[in-house]
């Protein structure tokens, strides 16, 4: 399933490809056949006004071995490929990261099916391209470019939602981008997700969601 059309519009220029590849994001890789495109987002399948939770992770890991996003070669086709693949990863619990996101969503809305939860949730990354070395650093210029073009517009789109940084890298990038009012929780990816306080931090976020939107 795909994000709402107005949400897709925020991201479509990343698949032209994004102009950042020629300048600030030279360290990032553009290779759709091998899965190297901007990605890491999912949800908002209804109206943007329905979104109650925005989860911001760090950056996507390396593409899976079978991952490819050639599509029909158009920006819209590549975006559709990314959306479909990421949806399937979350729906089926592809790896520990996806399963932990599902655990967090189930803490927030234990009575809702996955599709219903994803009407209320937008998941994204603070940088949409993989680091040159998985889990390694991302250059500050690349971080700033992605924040300006994609991260800040996404957060602005979901007015009233609880914005949560999952992990220190995401938290620091949000703050450097001038995005305030952000809640912090442990990363849902290894190694942070394996630390003892991680699940308590996710439960705290779920409590905030239930308290803020208790009348729904």
N, C-alpha and C. Protein backbone atom coordinates (compact mmCIF):
# COMPACT_ATOMS: atom_id res chain seq x y z
N UNK A 1 0.84 -1.18 0.00
CA UNK A 1 0.00 0.00 0.00
C UNK A 1 0.88 1.24 0.00
N UNK A 2 0.33 2.32 -0.52
CA UNK A 2 1.13 3.52 -0.74
C UNK A 2 0.66 4.67 0.16
N UNK A 3 1.56 5.60 0.47
CA UNK A 3 1.14 6.79 1.21
C UNK A 3 0.13 7.61 0.41
N UNK A 4 -0.54 8.50 1.11
CA UNK A 4 -1.50 9.39 0.46
C UNK A 4 -0.81 10.20 -0.64
N UNK A 5 -1.52 10.56 -1.71
CA UNK A 5 -0.91 11.30 -2.82
C UNK A 5 -0.19 12.56 -2.39
N UNK A 6 -0.73 13.30 -1.43
CA UNK A 6 -0.07 14.54 -1.02
C UNK A 6 1.23 14.25 -0.27
N UNK A 7 1.32 13.08 0.36
CA UNK A 7 2.57 12.69 1.02
C UNK A 7 3.58 12.23 -0.03
N UNK A 8 3.13 11.47 -1.00
CA UNK A 8 4.01 11.07 -2.09
C UNK A 8 4.61 12.28 -2.80
N UNK A 9 3.82 13.34 -2.92
CA UNK A 9 4.30 14.53 -3.62
C UNK A 9 5.51 15.16 -2.93
N UNK A 10 5.61 14.99 -1.60
CA UNK A 10 6.75 15.53 -0.87
C UNK A 10 8.05 14.80 -1.22
N UNK A 11 7.93 13.56 -1.70
CA UNK A 11 9.08 12.69 -1.86
C UNK A 11 9.44 12.40 -3.32
N UNK A 12 8.56 12.76 -4.24
CA UNK A 12 8.75 12.32 -5.62
C UNK A 12 10.04 12.84 -6.24
N UNK A 13 10.45 14.04 -5.86
CA UNK A 13 11.66 14.61 -6.47
C UNK A 13 12.92 13.82 -6.09
N UNK A 14 12.83 12.99 -5.05
CA UNK A 14 13.98 12.18 -4.65
C UNK A 14 14.30 11.11 -5.70
N UNK A 15 13.37 10.87 -6.62
CA UNK A 15 13.52 9.78 -7.59
C UNK A 15 13.74 10.27 -9.01
N UNK A 16 14.14 11.54 -9.15
CA UNK A 16 14.35 12.08 -10.50
C UNK A 16 15.73 11.83 -11.08
N UNK A 17 16.81 11.56 -10.43
CA UNK A 17 16.97 11.43 -8.97
C UNK A 17 17.13 12.78 -8.28
N UNK A 18 17.21 12.74 -6.95
CA UNK A 18 17.38 13.93 -6.13
C UNK A 18 18.64 14.68 -6.58
N UNK A 19 18.54 15.99 -6.64
CA UNK A 19 19.68 16.81 -7.06
C UNK A 19 20.83 16.74 -6.06
N UNK A 20 20.54 16.29 -4.85
CA UNK A 20 21.59 16.19 -3.84
C UNK A 20 22.70 15.23 -4.23
N UNK A 21 22.40 14.24 -5.07
CA UNK A 21 23.43 13.29 -5.47
C UNK A 21 24.59 13.96 -6.20
N UNK A 22 24.32 15.10 -6.82
CA UNK A 22 25.36 15.78 -7.59
C UNK A 22 26.19 16.74 -6.75
N UNK A 23 25.80 16.93 -5.48
CA UNK A 23 26.49 17.94 -4.68
C UNK A 23 26.66 17.47 -3.24
N UNK A 24 25.73 17.85 -2.36
CA UNK A 24 25.89 17.58 -0.93
C UNK A 24 25.90 16.09 -0.60
N UNK A 25 25.28 15.30 -1.45
CA UNK A 25 25.11 13.88 -1.14
C UNK A 25 25.95 12.99 -2.05
N UNK A 26 27.13 13.45 -2.42
CA UNK A 26 27.99 12.67 -3.31
C UNK A 26 28.39 11.32 -2.70
N UNK A 27 28.40 11.23 -1.37
CA UNK A 27 28.78 9.98 -0.74
C UNK A 27 27.66 8.94 -0.78
N UNK A 28 26.45 9.38 -1.11
CA UNK A 28 25.33 8.46 -1.22
C UNK A 28 25.36 7.77 -2.58
N UNK A 29 24.71 6.64 -2.68
CA UNK A 29 24.74 5.85 -3.91
C UNK A 29 23.37 5.86 -4.56
N UNK A 30 23.34 6.12 -5.86
CA UNK A 30 22.12 6.02 -6.66
C UNK A 30 22.29 4.83 -7.60
N UNK A 31 21.64 3.73 -7.29
CA UNK A 31 21.69 2.53 -8.11
C UNK A 31 20.38 1.76 -7.91
N UNK A 32 19.31 2.18 -8.60
CA UNK A 32 18.00 1.56 -8.38
C UNK A 32 18.01 0.05 -8.56
N UNK A 33 18.81 -0.46 -9.49
CA UNK A 33 18.81 -1.90 -9.74
C UNK A 33 19.26 -2.69 -8.52
N UNK A 34 20.11 -2.08 -7.68
CA UNK A 34 20.60 -2.75 -6.47
C UNK A 34 19.91 -2.24 -5.21
N UNK A 35 18.83 -1.48 -5.37
CA UNK A 35 18.07 -1.01 -4.22
C UNK A 35 18.56 0.28 -3.62
N UNK A 36 19.62 0.86 -4.17
CA UNK A 36 20.18 2.09 -3.61
C UNK A 36 19.44 3.31 -4.16
N UNK A 37 18.36 3.67 -3.49
CA UNK A 37 17.60 4.88 -3.76
C UNK A 37 17.15 5.43 -2.42
N UNK A 38 16.67 6.66 -2.36
CA UNK A 38 16.08 7.16 -1.11
C UNK A 38 14.90 6.27 -0.71
N UNK A 39 14.82 5.94 0.56
CA UNK A 39 13.79 5.02 1.03
C UNK A 39 13.74 5.08 2.55
N UNK A 40 12.94 4.19 3.15
CA UNK A 40 12.86 4.13 4.61
C UNK A 40 11.59 4.74 5.17
N UNK A 41 10.59 4.94 4.31
CA UNK A 41 9.34 5.55 4.78
C UNK A 41 8.17 4.62 4.48
N UNK A 42 7.11 4.78 5.28
CA UNK A 42 5.93 3.92 5.14
C UNK A 42 4.80 4.51 5.97
N UNK A 43 3.57 4.26 5.53
CA UNK A 43 2.40 4.66 6.32
C UNK A 43 1.61 5.77 5.70
N UNK A 44 0.83 6.48 6.53
CA UNK A 44 -0.03 7.59 6.09
C UNK A 44 -0.86 7.16 4.89
N UNK A 45 -1.50 6.01 4.99
CA UNK A 45 -2.23 5.48 3.84
C UNK A 45 -3.63 6.07 3.71
N UNK A 46 -4.05 6.84 4.71
CA UNK A 46 -5.33 7.54 4.62
C UNK A 46 -5.08 9.01 4.34
N UNK A 47 -5.84 9.87 4.98
CA UNK A 47 -5.61 11.30 4.88
C UNK A 47 -4.50 11.71 5.85
N UNK A 48 -3.65 12.66 5.48
CA UNK A 48 -2.59 13.09 6.40
C UNK A 48 -3.11 13.52 7.76
N UNK A 49 -4.32 14.06 7.81
CA UNK A 49 -4.88 14.52 9.08
C UNK A 49 -5.16 13.37 10.05
N UNK A 50 -5.18 12.15 9.54
CA UNK A 50 -5.42 10.99 10.40
C UNK A 50 -4.16 10.56 11.16
N UNK A 51 -2.99 11.01 10.74
CA UNK A 51 -1.73 10.55 11.33
C UNK A 51 -1.57 11.13 12.74
N UNK A 52 -1.32 10.24 13.68
CA UNK A 52 -1.16 10.62 15.07
C UNK A 52 0.27 10.41 15.59
N UNK A 53 1.07 9.65 14.85
CA UNK A 53 2.40 9.29 15.30
C UNK A 53 3.37 9.34 14.12
N UNK A 54 4.44 10.11 14.27
CA UNK A 54 5.51 10.16 13.28
C UNK A 54 6.76 9.57 13.92
N UNK A 55 7.25 8.48 13.37
CA UNK A 55 8.44 7.80 13.88
C UNK A 55 9.60 8.12 12.95
N UNK A 56 10.66 8.70 13.51
CA UNK A 56 11.83 9.08 12.72
C UNK A 56 13.01 8.22 13.15
N UNK A 57 13.51 7.43 12.22
CA UNK A 57 14.69 6.60 12.46
C UNK A 57 15.92 7.31 11.87
N UNK A 58 17.06 6.66 11.86
CA UNK A 58 18.31 7.30 11.44
C UNK A 58 18.42 7.35 9.92
N UNK A 59 18.80 6.26 9.32
CA UNK A 59 18.87 6.15 7.86
C UNK A 59 18.69 4.69 7.50
N UNK A 60 18.31 4.38 6.25
CA UNK A 60 18.13 2.98 5.90
C UNK A 60 19.45 2.22 5.92
N UNK A 61 19.39 0.96 6.29
CA UNK A 61 20.57 0.11 6.18
C UNK A 61 20.84 -0.22 4.72
N UNK A 62 21.80 -1.07 4.50
CA UNK A 62 22.06 -1.50 3.13
C UNK A 62 20.84 -2.22 2.57
N UNK A 63 20.59 -2.10 1.26
CA UNK A 63 19.45 -2.82 0.67
C UNK A 63 19.56 -4.32 0.89
N UNK A 64 18.41 -4.98 0.97
CA UNK A 64 18.41 -6.44 1.04
C UNK A 64 18.94 -7.01 -0.27
N UNK A 65 19.41 -8.23 -0.22
CA UNK A 65 20.07 -8.84 -1.37
C UNK A 65 19.18 -8.85 -2.61
N UNK A 66 17.90 -9.04 -2.43
CA UNK A 66 16.97 -9.14 -3.57
C UNK A 66 16.28 -7.81 -3.89
N UNK A 67 16.66 -6.75 -3.20
CA UNK A 67 15.93 -5.48 -3.32
C UNK A 67 16.32 -4.75 -4.60
N UNK A 68 15.32 -4.27 -5.34
CA UNK A 68 15.54 -3.49 -6.55
C UNK A 68 14.39 -2.52 -6.71
N UNK A 69 14.69 -1.32 -7.19
CA UNK A 69 13.65 -0.31 -7.34
C UNK A 69 13.71 0.38 -8.70
N UNK A 70 13.87 -0.42 -9.74
CA UNK A 70 13.89 0.13 -11.09
C UNK A 70 12.49 0.60 -11.48
N UNK A 71 11.47 -0.18 -11.12
CA UNK A 71 10.11 0.16 -11.50
C UNK A 71 9.99 0.30 -13.01
N UNK A 72 9.26 1.32 -13.46
CA UNK A 72 9.15 1.56 -14.90
C UNK A 72 10.16 2.61 -15.36
N UNK A 73 11.08 2.96 -14.45
CA UNK A 73 12.12 3.93 -14.80
C UNK A 73 11.75 5.36 -14.54
N UNK A 74 10.49 5.62 -14.20
CA UNK A 74 10.04 6.98 -13.92
C UNK A 74 10.15 7.27 -12.42
N UNK A 75 10.20 8.55 -12.03
CA UNK A 75 10.19 8.86 -10.59
C UNK A 75 9.00 8.25 -9.86
N UNK A 76 7.82 8.34 -10.47
CA UNK A 76 6.63 7.78 -9.83
C UNK A 76 6.74 6.27 -9.71
N UNK A 77 7.32 5.61 -10.73
CA UNK A 77 7.47 4.16 -10.68
C UNK A 77 8.44 3.72 -9.61
N UNK A 78 9.54 4.46 -9.47
CA UNK A 78 10.51 4.12 -8.42
C UNK A 78 9.90 4.33 -7.04
N UNK A 79 9.18 5.43 -6.86
CA UNK A 79 8.53 5.70 -5.58
C UNK A 79 7.52 4.60 -5.25
N UNK A 80 6.77 4.17 -6.25
CA UNK A 80 5.80 3.09 -6.04
C UNK A 80 6.50 1.80 -5.64
N UNK A 81 7.64 1.50 -6.27
CA UNK A 81 8.40 0.30 -5.94
C UNK A 81 8.88 0.35 -4.49
N UNK A 82 9.44 1.49 -4.08
CA UNK A 82 9.91 1.64 -2.70
C UNK A 82 8.76 1.47 -1.72
N UNK A 83 7.64 2.11 -2.00
CA UNK A 83 6.49 2.05 -1.09
C UNK A 83 5.98 0.62 -0.94
N UNK A 84 5.86 -0.09 -2.05
CA UNK A 84 5.35 -1.47 -2.00
C UNK A 84 6.30 -2.38 -1.24
N UNK A 85 7.61 -2.24 -1.51
CA UNK A 85 8.58 -3.10 -0.86
C UNK A 85 8.62 -2.85 0.64
N UNK A 86 8.64 -1.58 1.04
CA UNK A 86 8.72 -1.26 2.46
C UNK A 86 7.46 -1.71 3.20
N UNK A 87 6.31 -1.53 2.57
CA UNK A 87 5.07 -2.01 3.18
C UNK A 87 5.15 -3.51 3.45
N UNK A 88 5.62 -4.27 2.47
CA UNK A 88 5.71 -5.72 2.65
C UNK A 88 6.68 -6.08 3.77
N UNK A 89 7.77 -5.33 3.89
CA UNK A 89 8.74 -5.61 4.97
C UNK A 89 8.10 -5.44 6.34
N UNK A 90 7.35 -4.37 6.52
CA UNK A 90 6.69 -4.15 7.80
C UNK A 90 5.54 -5.14 8.01
N UNK A 91 4.77 -5.39 6.97
CA UNK A 91 3.61 -6.27 7.10
C UNK A 91 4.02 -7.68 7.50
N UNK A 92 5.16 -8.15 6.99
CA UNK A 92 5.58 -9.53 7.22
C UNK A 92 6.74 -9.65 8.21
N UNK A 93 7.20 -8.53 8.78
CA UNK A 93 8.27 -8.58 9.76
C UNK A 93 9.56 -9.09 9.17
N UNK A 94 10.05 -8.40 8.14
CA UNK A 94 11.21 -8.85 7.37
C UNK A 94 12.43 -9.11 8.27
N UNK A 95 12.71 -8.19 9.17
CA UNK A 95 13.86 -8.36 10.06
C UNK A 95 13.55 -7.75 11.42
N UNK A 96 14.52 -7.72 12.30
CA UNK A 96 14.29 -7.28 13.67
C UNK A 96 13.79 -5.84 13.73
N UNK A 97 14.33 -4.98 12.89
CA UNK A 97 13.89 -3.60 12.83
C UNK A 97 12.39 -3.52 12.55
N UNK A 98 11.93 -4.21 11.53
CA UNK A 98 10.50 -4.15 11.17
C UNK A 98 9.64 -4.76 12.26
N UNK A 99 10.11 -5.84 12.86
CA UNK A 99 9.32 -6.47 13.93
C UNK A 99 9.23 -5.57 15.16
N UNK A 100 10.27 -4.84 15.45
CA UNK A 100 10.22 -3.93 16.60
C UNK A 100 9.29 -2.75 16.36
N UNK A 101 9.26 -2.24 15.13
CA UNK A 101 8.28 -1.21 14.80
C UNK A 101 6.87 -1.75 15.02
N UNK A 102 6.62 -2.96 14.58
CA UNK A 102 5.30 -3.55 14.78
C UNK A 102 4.98 -3.68 16.26
N UNK A 103 5.97 -4.03 17.06
CA UNK A 103 5.75 -4.12 18.51
C UNK A 103 5.34 -2.76 19.08
N UNK A 104 6.02 -1.70 18.64
CA UNK A 104 5.69 -0.36 19.10
C UNK A 104 4.27 0.03 18.68
N UNK A 105 3.91 -0.26 17.44
CA UNK A 105 2.56 0.07 16.98
C UNK A 105 1.51 -0.71 17.75
N UNK A 106 1.80 -1.96 18.08
CA UNK A 106 0.85 -2.75 18.85
C UNK A 106 0.71 -2.24 20.28
N UNK A 107 1.76 -1.67 20.82
CA UNK A 107 1.66 -1.03 22.13
C UNK A 107 0.77 0.21 22.07
N UNK A 108 0.87 0.94 20.97
CA UNK A 108 0.06 2.16 20.82
C UNK A 108 -1.41 1.83 20.58
N UNK A 109 -1.65 0.87 19.67
CA UNK A 109 -3.02 0.55 19.25
C UNK A 109 -3.21 -0.96 19.23
N UNK A 110 -3.33 -1.57 20.42
CA UNK A 110 -3.37 -3.04 20.49
C UNK A 110 -4.59 -3.67 19.84
N UNK A 111 -5.65 -2.90 19.64
CA UNK A 111 -6.88 -3.46 19.10
C UNK A 111 -7.02 -3.26 17.60
N UNK A 112 -6.07 -2.58 17.00
CA UNK A 112 -6.19 -2.27 15.58
C UNK A 112 -5.35 -3.23 14.74
N UNK A 113 -5.85 -3.50 13.54
CA UNK A 113 -5.07 -4.25 12.57
C UNK A 113 -3.95 -3.37 12.02
N UNK A 114 -2.96 -4.01 11.39
CA UNK A 114 -1.81 -3.28 10.87
C UNK A 114 -2.22 -2.16 9.92
N UNK A 115 -3.15 -2.43 9.01
CA UNK A 115 -3.57 -1.41 8.05
C UNK A 115 -4.19 -0.20 8.76
N UNK A 116 -4.95 -0.47 9.82
CA UNK A 116 -5.55 0.63 10.58
C UNK A 116 -4.47 1.42 11.33
N UNK A 117 -3.49 0.73 11.89
CA UNK A 117 -2.39 1.41 12.56
C UNK A 117 -1.64 2.32 11.60
N UNK A 118 -1.50 1.89 10.35
CA UNK A 118 -0.72 2.65 9.39
C UNK A 118 -1.49 3.83 8.80
N UNK A 119 -2.77 3.93 9.08
CA UNK A 119 -3.49 5.16 8.78
C UNK A 119 -3.12 6.24 9.79
N UNK A 120 -2.70 5.80 10.98
CA UNK A 120 -2.39 6.72 12.06
C UNK A 120 -0.90 6.99 12.21
N UNK A 121 -0.06 6.34 11.38
CA UNK A 121 1.38 6.37 11.57
C UNK A 121 2.11 6.75 10.29
N UNK A 122 3.15 7.56 10.44
CA UNK A 122 4.09 7.81 9.36
C UNK A 122 5.48 7.46 9.88
N UNK A 123 6.15 6.55 9.19
CA UNK A 123 7.50 6.12 9.53
C UNK A 123 8.45 6.69 8.48
N UNK A 124 9.54 7.29 8.92
CA UNK A 124 10.50 7.83 7.96
C UNK A 124 11.89 7.80 8.57
N UNK A 125 12.88 8.19 7.77
CA UNK A 125 14.26 8.27 8.23
C UNK A 125 14.72 9.72 8.17
N UNK A 126 15.59 10.09 9.08
CA UNK A 126 16.11 11.46 9.09
C UNK A 126 17.00 11.74 7.90
N UNK A 127 17.62 10.72 7.34
CA UNK A 127 18.34 10.76 6.07
C UNK A 127 17.82 9.60 5.23
N UNK A 128 17.40 9.86 4.01
CA UNK A 128 16.70 8.85 3.23
C UNK A 128 17.60 7.91 2.44
N UNK A 129 18.89 8.16 2.40
CA UNK A 129 19.82 7.27 1.71
C UNK A 129 20.71 6.55 2.72
N UNK A 130 21.17 5.38 2.34
CA UNK A 130 22.06 4.62 3.21
C UNK A 130 23.38 5.35 3.40
N UNK A 131 23.97 5.18 4.57
CA UNK A 131 25.33 5.65 4.79
C UNK A 131 26.28 4.85 3.91
N UNK A 132 27.43 5.44 3.58
CA UNK A 132 28.39 4.72 2.73
C UNK A 132 28.86 3.44 3.38
N UNK A 133 28.85 3.38 4.71
CA UNK A 133 29.11 2.16 5.47
C UNK A 133 27.94 1.96 6.40
N UNK A 134 27.31 0.79 6.36
CA UNK A 134 26.09 0.56 7.13
C UNK A 134 26.31 0.89 8.60
N UNK A 135 25.40 1.71 9.16
CA UNK A 135 25.45 2.18 10.55
C UNK A 135 26.58 3.19 10.78
N UNK A 136 27.29 3.57 9.73
CA UNK A 136 28.37 4.53 9.86
C UNK A 136 27.86 5.96 9.83
N UNK A 137 28.79 6.93 9.87
CA UNK A 137 28.39 8.33 9.88
C UNK A 137 27.87 8.81 8.53
N UNK A 138 27.08 9.85 8.58
CA UNK A 138 26.59 10.54 7.39
C UNK A 138 27.12 11.97 7.46
N UNK A 139 27.66 12.47 6.37
CA UNK A 139 28.22 13.81 6.36
C UNK A 139 27.19 14.87 6.73
N UNK A 140 27.65 15.93 7.37
CA UNK A 140 26.73 16.96 7.83
C UNK A 140 26.01 17.66 6.67
N UNK A 141 26.71 17.87 5.55
CA UNK A 141 26.05 18.50 4.40
C UNK A 141 24.93 17.62 3.86
N UNK A 142 25.17 16.34 3.79
CA UNK A 142 24.14 15.40 3.34
C UNK A 142 22.96 15.42 4.30
N UNK A 143 23.24 15.40 5.58
CA UNK A 143 22.19 15.47 6.60
C UNK A 143 21.35 16.73 6.43
N UNK A 144 22.01 17.87 6.28
CA UNK A 144 21.30 19.14 6.15
C UNK A 144 20.47 19.20 4.87
N UNK A 145 21.02 18.68 3.79
CA UNK A 145 20.29 18.68 2.51
C UNK A 145 19.02 17.86 2.62
N UNK A 146 19.12 16.68 3.21
CA UNK A 146 17.96 15.81 3.33
C UNK A 146 16.93 16.40 4.29
N UNK A 147 17.41 17.03 5.35
CA UNK A 147 16.48 17.65 6.30
C UNK A 147 15.69 18.77 5.64
N UNK A 148 16.38 19.58 4.86
CA UNK A 148 15.73 20.72 4.20
C UNK A 148 14.73 20.25 3.15
N UNK A 149 15.12 19.29 2.33
CA UNK A 149 14.29 18.87 1.20
C UNK A 149 13.17 17.93 1.62
N UNK A 150 13.42 17.08 2.60
CA UNK A 150 12.47 16.00 2.87
C UNK A 150 12.03 15.88 4.32
N UNK A 151 12.95 15.91 5.27
CA UNK A 151 12.56 15.65 6.66
C UNK A 151 11.64 16.73 7.20
N UNK A 152 12.06 17.99 7.11
CA UNK A 152 11.24 19.07 7.67
C UNK A 152 9.86 19.16 6.98
N UNK A 153 9.77 19.06 5.65
CA UNK A 153 8.44 19.08 5.02
C UNK A 153 7.55 17.93 5.48
N UNK A 154 8.15 16.75 5.70
CA UNK A 154 7.34 15.63 6.18
C UNK A 154 6.77 15.93 7.56
N UNK A 155 7.59 16.39 8.47
CA UNK A 155 7.12 16.65 9.83
C UNK A 155 6.04 17.73 9.81
N UNK A 156 6.24 18.78 8.99
CA UNK A 156 5.23 19.85 8.90
C UNK A 156 3.90 19.33 8.37
N UNK A 157 3.96 18.30 7.55
CA UNK A 157 2.73 17.77 6.94
C UNK A 157 1.78 17.19 7.97
N UNK A 158 2.32 16.68 9.06
CA UNK A 158 1.50 15.97 10.03
C UNK A 158 1.34 16.80 11.30
N UNK A 159 0.70 17.93 11.16
CA UNK A 159 0.48 18.83 12.29
C UNK A 159 -0.37 18.12 13.35
N UNK A 160 0.06 18.23 14.60
CA UNK A 160 -0.70 17.63 15.69
C UNK A 160 -0.26 16.22 16.05
N UNK A 161 0.54 15.59 15.18
CA UNK A 161 1.01 14.23 15.50
C UNK A 161 2.15 14.28 16.52
N UNK A 162 2.31 13.22 17.27
CA UNK A 162 3.45 13.07 18.17
C UNK A 162 4.65 12.64 17.34
N UNK A 163 5.71 13.44 17.38
CA UNK A 163 6.93 13.13 16.62
C UNK A 163 7.94 12.48 17.55
N UNK A 164 8.44 11.32 17.15
CA UNK A 164 9.33 10.54 18.01
C UNK A 164 10.62 10.23 17.27
N UNK A 165 11.74 10.56 17.89
CA UNK A 165 13.05 10.18 17.38
C UNK A 165 13.41 8.82 17.95
N UNK A 166 13.67 7.86 17.08
CA UNK A 166 14.04 6.53 17.52
C UNK A 166 15.56 6.39 17.41
N UNK A 167 16.24 6.65 18.51
CA UNK A 167 17.69 6.58 18.54
C UNK A 167 18.35 7.94 18.55
N UNK A 168 19.60 7.98 19.00
CA UNK A 168 20.31 9.25 19.18
C UNK A 168 20.58 9.96 17.86
N UNK A 169 20.94 9.20 16.81
CA UNK A 169 21.24 9.85 15.54
C UNK A 169 20.02 10.60 15.02
N UNK A 170 18.86 9.96 15.05
CA UNK A 170 17.65 10.63 14.60
C UNK A 170 17.33 11.84 15.47
N UNK A 171 17.50 11.69 16.78
CA UNK A 171 17.20 12.78 17.70
C UNK A 171 18.10 13.98 17.43
N UNK A 172 19.38 13.74 17.28
CA UNK A 172 20.31 14.85 17.05
C UNK A 172 20.05 15.52 15.70
N UNK A 173 19.73 14.75 14.70
CA UNK A 173 19.45 15.34 13.38
C UNK A 173 18.18 16.18 13.39
N UNK A 174 17.17 15.71 14.08
CA UNK A 174 15.94 16.51 14.19
C UNK A 174 16.22 17.83 14.89
N UNK A 175 16.99 17.79 15.94
CA UNK A 175 17.29 19.01 16.68
C UNK A 175 18.13 19.97 15.84
N UNK A 176 19.12 19.44 15.11
CA UNK A 176 19.94 20.31 14.26
C UNK A 176 19.11 20.90 13.12
N UNK A 177 18.04 20.21 12.74
CA UNK A 177 17.15 20.74 11.71
C UNK A 177 16.17 21.77 12.25
N UNK A 178 16.22 22.03 13.56
CA UNK A 178 15.33 23.02 14.16
C UNK A 178 13.94 22.51 14.43
N UNK A 179 13.76 21.20 14.44
CA UNK A 179 12.44 20.60 14.68
C UNK A 179 12.31 20.36 16.18
N UNK A 180 11.36 21.02 16.79
CA UNK A 180 11.20 20.98 18.24
C UNK A 180 10.00 20.13 18.66
N UNK A 181 9.87 19.95 19.97
CA UNK A 181 8.74 19.18 20.50
C UNK A 181 8.83 17.70 20.22
N UNK A 182 10.04 17.19 20.04
CA UNK A 182 10.25 15.78 19.68
C UNK A 182 10.43 14.94 20.94
N UNK A 183 9.79 13.80 20.98
CA UNK A 183 10.00 12.82 22.04
C UNK A 183 11.10 11.85 21.62
N UNK A 184 11.80 11.31 22.59
CA UNK A 184 12.90 10.40 22.31
C UNK A 184 12.57 8.99 22.81
N UNK A 185 12.95 8.00 22.01
CA UNK A 185 12.90 6.60 22.45
C UNK A 185 14.12 5.89 21.87
N UNK A 186 14.44 4.76 22.43
CA UNK A 186 15.57 3.99 21.94
C UNK A 186 15.33 3.53 20.50
N UNK A 187 16.41 3.31 19.79
CA UNK A 187 16.33 2.81 18.43
C UNK A 187 15.60 1.47 18.39
N UNK A 188 14.92 1.22 17.27
CA UNK A 188 14.28 -0.08 17.06
C UNK A 188 15.18 -1.02 16.26
N UNK A 189 16.38 -0.53 15.91
CA UNK A 189 17.36 -1.34 15.18
C UNK A 189 18.50 -1.71 16.11
N UNK A 190 19.18 -2.81 15.83
CA UNK A 190 20.37 -3.16 16.62
C UNK A 190 21.47 -2.13 16.42
N UNK A 191 22.30 -1.89 17.43
CA UNK A 191 22.32 -2.58 18.73
C UNK A 191 21.40 -1.95 19.77
N UNK A 192 20.93 -0.71 19.52
CA UNK A 192 20.15 0.00 20.54
C UNK A 192 18.92 -0.74 20.99
N UNK A 193 18.26 -1.42 20.07
CA UNK A 193 17.01 -2.11 20.43
C UNK A 193 17.24 -3.26 21.40
N UNK A 194 18.48 -3.72 21.51
CA UNK A 194 18.77 -4.85 22.39
C UNK A 194 19.15 -4.42 23.80
N UNK A 195 19.23 -3.12 24.04
CA UNK A 195 19.55 -2.64 25.37
C UNK A 195 18.33 -2.77 26.28
N UNK A 196 18.57 -2.97 27.54
CA UNK A 196 17.49 -3.26 28.48
C UNK A 196 16.41 -2.18 28.53
N UNK A 197 16.75 -0.88 28.50
CA UNK A 197 15.69 0.14 28.60
C UNK A 197 14.88 0.35 27.32
N UNK A 198 15.24 -0.30 26.23
CA UNK A 198 14.61 0.01 24.95
C UNK A 198 13.10 -0.18 24.98
N UNK A 199 12.65 -1.34 25.41
CA UNK A 199 11.22 -1.61 25.36
C UNK A 199 10.44 -0.74 26.34
N UNK A 200 11.05 -0.38 27.45
CA UNK A 200 10.39 0.55 28.37
C UNK A 200 10.20 1.91 27.69
N UNK A 201 11.18 2.32 26.88
CA UNK A 201 11.04 3.61 26.20
C UNK A 201 9.95 3.56 25.15
N UNK A 202 9.78 2.41 24.49
CA UNK A 202 8.70 2.30 23.51
C UNK A 202 7.34 2.29 24.20
N UNK A 203 7.29 1.64 25.36
CA UNK A 203 6.03 1.63 26.12
C UNK A 203 5.66 3.04 26.58
N UNK A 204 6.68 3.85 26.93
CA UNK A 204 6.41 5.23 27.32
C UNK A 204 5.80 6.02 26.16
N UNK A 205 6.32 5.81 24.97
CA UNK A 205 5.77 6.49 23.79
C UNK A 205 4.32 6.07 23.57
N UNK A 206 4.06 4.79 23.70
CA UNK A 206 2.69 4.30 23.53
C UNK A 206 1.75 4.95 24.54
N UNK A 207 2.22 5.12 25.77
CA UNK A 207 1.41 5.80 26.77
C UNK A 207 1.12 7.24 26.39
N UNK A 208 2.10 7.93 25.84
CA UNK A 208 1.88 9.31 25.39
C UNK A 208 0.85 9.36 24.28
N UNK A 209 0.93 8.43 23.35
CA UNK A 209 -0.04 8.38 22.24
C UNK A 209 -1.44 8.15 22.78
N UNK A 210 -1.58 7.19 23.68
CA UNK A 210 -2.91 6.90 24.21
C UNK A 210 -3.45 8.06 25.01
N UNK A 211 -2.61 8.75 25.78
CA UNK A 211 -3.06 9.89 26.58
C UNK A 211 -3.46 11.06 25.68
N UNK A 212 -2.65 11.35 24.67
CA UNK A 212 -2.92 12.52 23.82
C UNK A 212 -4.17 12.33 22.98
N UNK A 213 -4.41 11.10 22.56
CA UNK A 213 -5.52 10.85 21.64
C UNK A 213 -6.55 9.93 22.27
N UNK A 214 -6.76 10.10 23.56
CA UNK A 214 -7.65 9.20 24.31
C UNK A 214 -9.11 9.33 23.91
N UNK A 215 -9.47 10.44 23.27
CA UNK A 215 -10.86 10.64 22.90
C UNK A 215 -11.21 10.03 21.54
N UNK A 216 -10.27 9.35 20.93
CA UNK A 216 -10.53 8.77 19.60
C UNK A 216 -10.87 7.30 19.70
